[in-house]
N, C-alpha and C. Protein backbone atom coordinates (compact mmCIF):
# COMPACT_ATOMS: atom_id res chain seq x y z
N UNK A 1 0.94 -1.01 0.09
CA UNK A 1 -0.01 0.21 0.02
C UNK A 1 0.94 1.21 -0.02
N UNK A 2 0.63 2.51 -0.63
CA UNK A 2 1.37 3.39 -0.57
C UNK A 2 0.49 4.87 -0.42
N UNK A 3 0.98 5.61 0.72
CA UNK A 3 0.15 6.61 0.88
C UNK A 3 0.84 7.91 0.79
N UNK A 4 0.37 8.97 0.33
CA UNK A 4 1.01 10.37 0.10
C UNK A 4 0.87 11.24 1.23
N UNK A 5 1.84 11.90 1.77
CA UNK A 5 1.42 12.95 2.65
C UNK A 5 2.33 14.16 2.10
N UNK A 6 1.86 15.44 2.97
CA UNK A 6 2.25 16.48 2.93
C UNK A 6 2.34 17.39 4.26
N UNK A 7 3.20 18.26 4.47
CA UNK A 7 3.24 18.79 5.87
C UNK A 7 3.25 20.59 5.18
N UNK A 8 1.83 21.13 5.82
CA UNK A 8 1.93 22.49 5.25
C UNK A 8 1.85 23.19 6.87
N UNK A 9 2.53 24.19 6.73
CA UNK A 9 2.43 25.23 7.79
C UNK A 9 2.50 26.33 7.33
N UNK A 10 2.18 27.61 8.19
CA UNK A 10 2.00 29.10 8.31
C UNK A 10 2.97 29.74 8.99
N UNK A 11 4.10 29.48 9.21
CA UNK A 11 5.26 30.13 10.29
C UNK A 11 6.07 30.94 9.72
N UNK A 12 5.40 31.64 8.65
CA UNK A 12 6.26 32.70 7.92
C UNK A 12 5.59 33.93 8.57
N UNK A 13 6.14 35.16 7.99
CA UNK A 13 6.02 36.61 8.15
C UNK A 13 4.32 36.78 7.90
N UNK A 14 4.00 36.55 7.04
CA UNK A 14 2.82 36.86 6.23
C UNK A 14 1.70 35.85 6.66
N UNK A 15 2.07 34.72 7.35
CA UNK A 15 1.33 33.72 7.76
C UNK A 15 0.38 32.89 6.68
N UNK A 16 1.13 32.96 5.70
CA UNK A 16 0.53 31.90 4.34
C UNK A 16 0.89 30.91 4.43
N UNK A 17 0.16 29.96 3.91
CA UNK A 17 0.39 28.37 3.68
C UNK A 17 1.71 28.17 2.98
N UNK A 18 2.24 27.15 3.57
CA UNK A 18 3.54 26.74 2.57
C UNK A 18 3.72 25.35 2.79
N UNK A 19 4.27 24.27 1.77
CA UNK A 19 4.52 23.23 2.10
C UNK A 19 5.78 23.16 2.71
N UNK A 20 6.32 22.65 3.68
CA UNK A 20 7.08 22.21 4.54
C UNK A 20 7.79 20.99 4.33
N UNK A 21 7.26 20.14 3.95
CA UNK A 21 7.61 18.88 3.45
C UNK A 21 6.49 17.91 3.02
N UNK A 22 7.30 16.97 2.26
CA UNK A 22 5.99 16.03 1.45
C UNK A 22 6.90 14.70 1.25
N UNK A 23 6.16 13.51 0.93
CA UNK A 23 6.65 12.25 0.67
C UNK A 23 5.48 11.31 0.33
N UNK A 24 5.99 9.92 0.87
CA UNK A 24 5.11 8.90 0.80
C UNK A 24 5.36 7.62 1.93
N UNK A 25 4.48 7.09 2.13
CA UNK A 25 4.75 5.85 3.00
C UNK A 25 4.67 4.55 1.94
N UNK A 26 5.40 3.58 2.17
CA UNK A 26 5.36 2.50 1.56
C UNK A 26 5.18 1.34 2.70
N UNK A 27 3.58 0.80 2.70
CA UNK A 27 3.29 -0.05 3.84
C UNK A 27 3.06 -1.74 3.26
N UNK A 28 3.37 -2.51 4.35
CA UNK A 28 3.00 -3.85 4.06
C UNK A 28 1.86 -3.88 5.23
N UNK A 29 0.83 -4.58 4.82
CA UNK A 29 -0.23 -4.48 5.71
C UNK A 29 -0.40 -6.34 5.91
N UNK A 30 -1.15 -7.04 6.91
CA UNK A 30 -1.24 -8.57 6.93
C UNK A 30 -2.27 -8.62 7.65
N UNK A 31 -3.38 -9.30 7.28
CA UNK A 31 -4.57 -9.58 8.15
C UNK A 31 -4.19 -10.73 9.16
N UNK A 32 -4.74 -10.22 10.62
CA UNK A 32 -4.39 -11.13 11.44
C UNK A 32 -5.86 -10.92 12.22
N UNK A 33 -6.38 -12.27 12.46
CA UNK A 33 -7.58 -12.33 13.36
C UNK A 33 -8.59 -11.55 12.92
N UNK A 34 -8.76 -11.17 11.38
CA UNK A 34 -9.66 -10.76 10.79
C UNK A 34 -9.25 -8.97 10.78
N UNK A 35 -8.61 -8.55 11.35
CA UNK A 35 -8.16 -7.39 11.10
C UNK A 35 -6.71 -6.96 10.40
N UNK A 36 -6.74 -6.01 9.49
CA UNK A 36 -5.62 -5.48 9.07
C UNK A 36 -4.53 -4.60 9.93
N UNK A 37 -3.62 -5.06 9.92
CA UNK A 37 -2.52 -4.27 10.68
C UNK A 37 -1.17 -4.30 9.82
N UNK A 38 -0.36 -2.97 10.24
CA UNK A 38 0.64 -2.79 9.59
C UNK A 38 1.82 -3.71 10.04
N UNK A 39 2.68 -4.20 8.92
CA UNK A 39 3.89 -5.19 9.38
C UNK A 39 5.04 -4.40 9.16
N UNK A 40 4.99 -3.63 8.00
CA UNK A 40 6.22 -2.79 7.94
C UNK A 40 5.81 -1.38 7.36
N UNK A 41 6.39 -0.65 7.51
CA UNK A 41 6.41 1.02 6.75
C UNK A 41 7.84 1.39 6.64
N UNK A 42 7.99 2.13 5.52
CA UNK A 42 8.94 2.87 5.30
C UNK A 42 8.41 4.31 4.59
N UNK A 43 9.34 4.93 5.33
CA UNK A 43 8.65 6.70 5.43
C UNK A 43 9.88 7.30 4.23
N UNK A 44 9.41 7.67 3.29
CA UNK A 44 10.14 8.48 2.34
C UNK A 44 9.54 9.98 2.29
N UNK A 45 10.88 10.56 2.67
CA UNK A 45 10.44 12.10 3.10
C UNK A 45 11.29 12.67 1.75
N UNK A 46 10.50 13.24 0.73
CA UNK A 46 11.35 13.45 -0.54
C UNK A 46 11.87 15.12 -0.29
N UNK A 47 11.33 15.67 0.72
CA UNK A 47 12.15 17.03 0.79
C UNK A 47 13.46 17.03 1.54
N UNK A 48 13.65 15.74 2.17
CA UNK A 48 15.12 15.66 2.91
C UNK A 48 15.89 14.54 1.99
N UNK A 49 17.07 15.23 1.25
CA UNK A 49 17.62 14.18 0.32
C UNK A 49 18.24 12.90 1.40
N UNK A 50 18.45 12.75 2.10
CA UNK A 50 18.83 11.78 2.80
C UNK A 50 17.93 10.65 2.97
N UNK A 51 16.70 11.04 2.92
CA UNK A 51 15.57 10.41 3.48
C UNK A 51 14.75 9.98 2.40
N UNK A 52 15.26 10.47 1.05
CA UNK A 52 14.09 10.32 -0.34
C UNK A 52 13.99 9.17 -0.65
N UNK A 53 12.99 8.69 -1.42
CA UNK A 53 12.93 7.37 -1.94
C UNK A 53 13.82 7.18 -3.12
N UNK A 54 14.20 5.87 -3.95
CA UNK A 54 15.08 5.80 -4.72
C UNK A 54 14.45 6.17 -6.10
N UNK A 55 14.98 6.15 -7.07
CA UNK A 55 14.19 6.88 -8.44
C UNK A 55 13.74 5.67 -9.01
N UNK A 56 13.98 4.28 -8.48
CA UNK A 56 13.28 3.19 -9.26
C UNK A 56 11.80 3.23 -8.65
N UNK A 57 10.67 2.79 -9.12
CA UNK A 57 9.51 2.38 -8.46
C UNK A 57 9.87 1.36 -7.54
N UNK A 58 9.39 1.38 -6.12
CA UNK A 58 9.26 0.35 -5.31
C UNK A 58 8.57 -0.82 -5.65
N UNK A 59 7.47 -0.75 -6.37
CA UNK A 59 6.33 -1.49 -6.63
C UNK A 59 6.91 -2.68 -7.45
N UNK A 60 7.97 -2.17 -8.38
CA UNK A 60 8.52 -3.09 -9.70
C UNK A 60 9.50 -4.03 -8.81
N UNK A 61 9.93 -3.80 -7.87
CA UNK A 61 10.99 -4.65 -6.83
C UNK A 61 10.15 -5.83 -6.41
N UNK A 62 11.26 -6.80 -6.14
CA UNK A 62 10.54 -8.30 -5.39
C UNK A 62 11.80 -7.83 -4.20
N UNK A 63 10.81 -7.42 -2.99
CA UNK A 63 11.38 -7.17 -1.84
C UNK A 63 11.55 -8.69 -0.52
N UNK A 64 11.10 -9.38 -1.55
CA UNK A 64 11.03 -10.86 -0.63
C UNK A 64 10.43 -11.15 0.66
N UNK A 65 9.58 -10.40 0.96
CA UNK A 65 8.50 -10.49 2.09
C UNK A 65 7.60 -11.30 1.81
């Protein structure tokens, strides 16, 4: 599962909304006793270079899980 997120704040002098960060979660869910639970989450923060996702689409990779 993939979910996209944005962080918006208005901490500037004009108090206008600005995007402070953005990225996406890559999640693996498992059904346990009839409930869907998170088994794994990778947080990709595209606005911070060291935490950005790789260029290839992770949906194309066999992660072996």
